[in-house]
Each structure stands twice: as structure tokens, then as C-alpha cells.
Amino acid sequence: MPRGDKSSYTDKQKRQAEHIEEGYEKRGAPKAEAERRAWATVNKETGGGKKSGSGREKAENHAPSRKGGRAGGAAAASRTAAERSASAKKGAETRKRNAAAWASAKS
């Protein structure tokens, strides 16, 4: 079975991954990254691909899904407005510099 083959996953797991992927895309993640994250979440929750059948699997752990929304923002919340502003200015300057370097390398 080649890597990335989803045949060993149940229909429910496939639906879960699709739904999780849509959520990531809605929040701005690229399609490929959203798909990768979605399957990682399904694997973490259910223990990977499983065939259906009574008593063949462990209980699902939904902590990875709940964790997603809470994980971000903690670092920013613990910094002052001045620190966040300085960080934003530094990031903008870096993006500007990288864009100029990329443009000159392209031409």
C-alpha cells in the first residue's frame, strides 16, 4: 500500500478529515496544508486507518480537535501593546526586504 493511500480509513474518518480540512481552509490555510493537518488530526484522534467492526478499536480522543483553536494567541496575549507593535513592524520590514530580494532575483 503506497504512502497516502486512504483505503484503510473508514467512511467516518474520511468525512471527519474532509470537515476538518474545510475548517482549516476557511481560516486561510492553503489546500495542501489543510489536507495534511486534517489527516494528522484524524490520525491523532482515532489512531490511524481502521476497518469498521464492533470492539476492534480504542475509544477516540478528541483533544487534538479542541486544542486547535486554543493553541494560538497565548504568546501575543502575554505581551504588551508596544512589544506587539514592534514585532509587527519588524515583520513588515522583513517581508518588504524579502519581496525586494525576490523581485531582483527573478529579473
C-alpha atoms as a PDB file:
ATOM      1  CA  MET A   1       0.000   0.000   0.000  1.00  0.00           C
ATOM      2  CA  PRO A   2       1.632   3.307  -1.085  1.00  0.00           C
ATOM      3  CA  ARG A   3       2.021   6.210   1.284  1.00  0.00           C
ATOM      4  CA  GLY A   4      -1.012   8.443   1.335  1.00  0.00           C
ATOM      5  CA  ASP A   5      -3.408   5.591   0.469  1.00  0.00           C
ATOM      6  CA  LYS A   6      -6.661   6.199   2.345  1.00  0.00           C
ATOM      7  CA  SER A   7      -8.316   2.838   1.631  1.00  0.00           C
ATOM      8  CA  SER A   8      -7.832   1.578   5.194  1.00  0.00           C
ATOM      9  CA  TYR A   9      -9.780   4.502   6.663  1.00  0.00           C
ATOM     10  CA  THR A  10     -13.460   4.206   7.487  1.00  0.00           C
ATOM     11  CA  ASP A  11     -16.052   6.399   5.794  1.00  0.00           C
ATOM     12  CA  LYS A  12     -16.496   8.237   9.080  1.00  0.00           C
ATOM     13  CA  GLN A  13     -12.777   9.044   9.262  1.00  0.00           C
ATOM     14  CA  LYS A  14     -12.841  10.318   5.683  1.00  0.00           C
ATOM     15  CA  ARG A  15     -15.822  12.562   6.477  1.00  0.00           C
ATOM     16  CA  GLN A  16     -14.066  13.839   9.607  1.00  0.00           C
ATOM     17  CA  ALA A  17     -10.929  14.710   7.629  1.00  0.00           C
ATOM     18  CA  GLU A  18     -12.976  16.495   4.985  1.00  0.00           C
ATOM     19  CA  HIS A  19     -14.805  18.552   7.590  1.00  0.00           C
ATOM     20  CA  ILE A  20     -11.601  19.445   9.464  1.00  0.00           C
ATOM     21  CA  GLU A  21      -9.932  20.385   6.171  1.00  0.00           C
ATOM     22  CA  GLU A  22     -12.767  22.781   5.322  1.00  0.00           C
ATOM     23  CA  GLY A  23     -12.287  24.463   8.686  1.00  0.00           C
ATOM     24  CA  TYR A  24      -8.581  24.980   8.080  1.00  0.00           C
ATOM     25  CA  GLU A  25      -9.233  26.368   4.589  1.00  0.00           C
ATOM     26  CA  LYS A  26     -11.862  28.733   5.990  1.00  0.00           C
ATOM     27  CA  ARG A  27      -9.186  30.088   8.335  1.00  0.00           C
ATOM     28  CA  GLY A  28      -6.800  30.708   5.431  1.00  0.00           C
ATOM     29  CA  ALA A  29      -4.570  27.618   5.286  1.00  0.00           C
ATOM     30  CA  PRO A  30      -3.511  26.523   1.768  1.00  0.00           C
ATOM     31  CA  LYS A  31      -5.349  23.456   0.388  1.00  0.00           C
ATOM     32  CA  ALA A  32      -2.399  21.051   0.695  1.00  0.00           C
ATOM     33  CA  GLU A  33      -1.555  22.237   4.214  1.00  0.00           C
ATOM     34  CA  ALA A  34      -5.209  21.989   5.276  1.00  0.00           C
ATOM     35  CA  GLU A  35      -5.404  18.415   3.997  1.00  0.00           C
ATOM     36  CA  ARG A  36      -2.171  17.441   5.752  1.00  0.00           C
ATOM     37  CA  ARG A  37      -3.332  18.917   9.044  1.00  0.00           C
ATOM     38  CA  ALA A  38      -6.774  17.327   8.734  1.00  0.00           C
ATOM     39  CA  TRP A  39      -5.392  13.815   8.279  1.00  0.00           C
ATOM     40  CA  ALA A  40      -2.878  14.371  11.085  1.00  0.00           C
ATOM     41  CA  THR A  41      -5.769  15.319  13.362  1.00  0.00           C
ATOM     42  CA  VAL A  42      -7.816  12.271  12.337  1.00  0.00           C
ATOM     43  CA  ASN A  43      -4.798  10.005  12.894  1.00  0.00           C
ATOM     44  CA  LYS A  44      -4.165  11.516  16.310  1.00  0.00           C
ATOM     45  CA  GLU A  45      -7.811  11.160  17.328  1.00  0.00           C
ATOM     46  CA  THR A  46      -8.531   7.668  16.013  1.00  0.00           C
ATOM     47  CA  GLY A  47      -5.128   6.002  15.882  1.00  0.00           C
ATOM     48  CA  GLY A  48      -4.881   5.875  12.091  1.00  0.00           C
ATOM     49  CA  GLY A  49      -6.788   3.934   9.463  1.00  0.00           C
ATOM     50  CA  LYS A  50      -9.151   1.300  10.834  1.00  0.00           C
ATOM     51  CA  LYS A  51     -11.681  -1.081   9.454  1.00  0.00           C
ATOM     52  CA  SER A  52     -15.115  -0.854  10.994  1.00  0.00           C
ATOM     53  CA  GLY A  53     -16.392  -3.527  13.351  1.00  0.00           C
ATOM     54  CA  SER A  54     -17.541  -3.810  16.924  1.00  0.00           C
ATOM     55  CA  GLY A  55     -14.785  -3.877  19.531  1.00  0.00           C
ATOM     56  CA  ARG A  56     -11.909  -3.532  17.085  1.00  0.00           C
ATOM     57  CA  GLU A  57     -10.730  -0.119  18.109  1.00  0.00           C
ATOM     58  CA  LYS A  58      -9.850   2.065  21.065  1.00  0.00           C
ATOM     59  CA  ALA A  59     -12.047   4.963  22.110  1.00  0.00           C
ATOM     60  CA  GLU A  60     -11.489   8.201  20.190  1.00  0.00           C
ATOM     61  CA  ASN A  61      -9.614  11.034  21.845  1.00  0.00           C
ATOM     62  CA  HIS A  62     -10.997  14.390  20.691  1.00  0.00           C
ATOM     63  CA  ALA A  63      -8.412  16.528  22.487  1.00  0.00           C
ATOM     64  CA  PRO A  64      -6.487  17.328  19.249  1.00  0.00           C
ATOM     65  CA  SER A  65      -9.591  18.934  17.727  1.00  0.00           C
ATOM     66  CA  ARG A  66     -10.313  21.019  20.792  1.00  0.00           C
ATOM     67  CA  LYS A  67      -6.694  22.080  21.076  1.00  0.00           C
ATOM     68  CA  GLY A  68      -6.596  23.775  17.666  1.00  0.00           C
ATOM     69  CA  GLY A  69      -8.440  26.971  18.475  1.00  0.00           C
ATOM     70  CA  ARG A  70      -6.922  27.437  21.918  1.00  0.00           C
ATOM     71  CA  ALA A  71      -3.299  26.903  20.934  1.00  0.00           C
ATOM     72  CA  GLY A  72      -2.839  30.201  19.102  1.00  0.00           C
ATOM     73  CA  GLY A  73      -2.754  33.620  20.658  1.00  0.00           C
ATOM     74  CA  ALA A  74      -1.251  32.775  24.047  1.00  0.00           C
ATOM     75  CA  ALA A  75       2.115  34.320  23.209  1.00  0.00           C
ATOM     76  CA  ALA A  76       0.579  37.537  21.890  1.00  0.00           C
ATOM     77  CA  ALA A  77      -1.738  37.852  24.874  1.00  0.00           C
ATOM     78  CA  SER A  78       1.161  37.859  27.315  1.00  0.00           C
ATOM     79  CA  ARG A  79       2.976  40.749  25.560  1.00  0.00           C
ATOM     80  CA  THR A  80       2.374  44.466  25.865  1.00  0.00           C
ATOM     81  CA  ALA A  81       0.902  46.519  23.027  1.00  0.00           C
ATOM     82  CA  ALA A  82       4.306  48.150  22.425  1.00  0.00           C
ATOM     83  CA  GLU A  83       6.014  44.758  22.118  1.00  0.00           C
ATOM     84  CA  ARG A  84       3.370  43.501  19.681  1.00  0.00           C
ATOM     85  CA  SER A  85       3.659  46.689  17.626  1.00  0.00           C
ATOM     86  CA  ALA A  86       7.451  46.443  17.459  1.00  0.00           C
ATOM     87  CA  SER A  87       7.168  42.814  16.389  1.00  0.00           C
ATOM     88  CA  ALA A  88       4.651  43.696  13.676  1.00  0.00           C
ATOM     89  CA  LYS A  89       6.906  46.490  12.352  1.00  0.00           C
ATOM     90  CA  LYS A  90       9.886  44.140  12.305  1.00  0.00           C
ATOM     91  CA  GLY A  91       7.867  41.517  10.416  1.00  0.00           C
ATOM     92  CA  ALA A  92       6.634  44.057   7.882  1.00  0.00           C
ATOM     93  CA  GLU A  93      10.190  45.253   7.275  1.00  0.00           C
ATOM     94  CA  THR A  94      11.384  41.668   6.786  1.00  0.00           C
ATOM     95  CA  ARG A  95       8.569  40.913   4.311  1.00  0.00           C
ATOM     96  CA  LYS A  96       9.358  44.105   2.406  1.00  0.00           C
ATOM     97  CA  ARG A  97      13.076  43.232   2.257  1.00  0.00           C
ATOM     98  CA  ASN A  98      12.376  39.633   1.166  1.00  0.00           C
ATOM     99  CA  ALA A  99       9.926  40.777  -1.522  1.00  0.00           C
ATOM    100  CA  ALA A 100      12.524  43.170  -2.941  1.00  0.00           C
ATOM    101  CA  ALA A 101      15.211  40.472  -2.904  1.00  0.00           C
ATOM    102  CA  TRP A 102      12.859  38.003  -4.591  1.00  0.00           C
ATOM    103  CA  ALA A 103      11.893  40.536  -7.248  1.00  0.00           C
ATOM    104  CA  SER A 104      15.525  41.338  -8.071  1.00  0.00           C
ATOM    105  CA  ALA A 105      16.464  37.649  -8.214  1.00  0.00           C
ATOM    106  CA  LYS A 106      13.525  36.926 -10.521  1.00  0.00           C
ATOM    107  CA  SER A 107      14.513  39.554 -13.104  1.00  0.00           C
END
